[in-house]
């Protein structure tokens, strides 16, 4: 994707008027919402059997984005898939690796059973979740093969994904640099609703290997809070607060996020405010999505926020070919355990336009 494009609607004109550079630069250390919206379309497309409609609606013909690989492998003993696809643009000299999110309710449950704490070593970088590590190993060969194609070896690499796809992106990107397939400045990551992938050691290793990396979080999306971090017991919640406590920046026992969070407290409509979360604790900024306490009575809203980014229900949007005329269900109006179950298993809710 071309750098410094501020207006997606004029992408074709800009491509014609501006030169294309393949090397990521200092500007990529800054969050670019236009770029994020385009990558979300690719994440949505991963939920479809055919990514080309979303690709065609997202990029100009001049960019010549082509799917060079699609993969779907069994991720667990039930047969749930870990899947994705890889796109290349020879015009921009860029490769984009896209991972699909959770496909089924049983997969969501399996992820939960194995995410109590990171326990699997990840190539000496730290400990990571066993389910995510397994998914990475089963999809890695497709990434390695694509990045090793001779004519693409100097191309920059985007890695992206939503939900489980974000977790797989979070393992794929540092492995690319660790294995010498690309240098750190040639890899950029944007994920959406990504869970905690590993522990503090992994987070530190990741940040060194992949400095151009952002985790986009929508309001009270519950998934980025899973698995839970170890709380800083030296912190005393203010009187009258909800009792929320920051993550302990020194604990290696629980989950701990890597990369910079980009927090959208509202609906993520064009022009809505967002926060670049560089406060303390590092990567777990207590002034962003970690500020409110995760409440079971509000988790159904958290599930809705997880599925909806930039105004679209991500899986449905991708299956519909990223058609901009699509409409989606509104947020839940009920709270409690029963409404949480209904939100996960698909009970109908009111529609908005």
Foldseek 3Di string as FASTA:
>chain_A
DAPPDQDQVCQVVCPVVDAADQFFDPCLLDDHVLVVVLVLLQQLLFLAPDSVLSVPVRDDVLQVKDWPDWDWFQLDPVRFTWIWTKIAGPRNLEIETETYAGNDPVSVVVQQVQQLFFDPDQPPQAGWTPSLVSSLVVCVVVVVVVLPPVVNQAGAYEYEHAHSRRLSSLNNQLVCCVVPSDAQRRYAYEYELYAQTHFLSNQVSSCVRHVSYEYEYEAQQPRNCPPPADFDPVDDDDPPAPRQTFHDNPDRTHGAHHDWYWAQNDQLEVPGDIDGQCDPPGRRRCVGNSVHDDDQFCVLQNNVSSQDHRQDRSNVCSNVSVPVVDWDADGDPGTDDVSSVCSNVPDDHHTDD
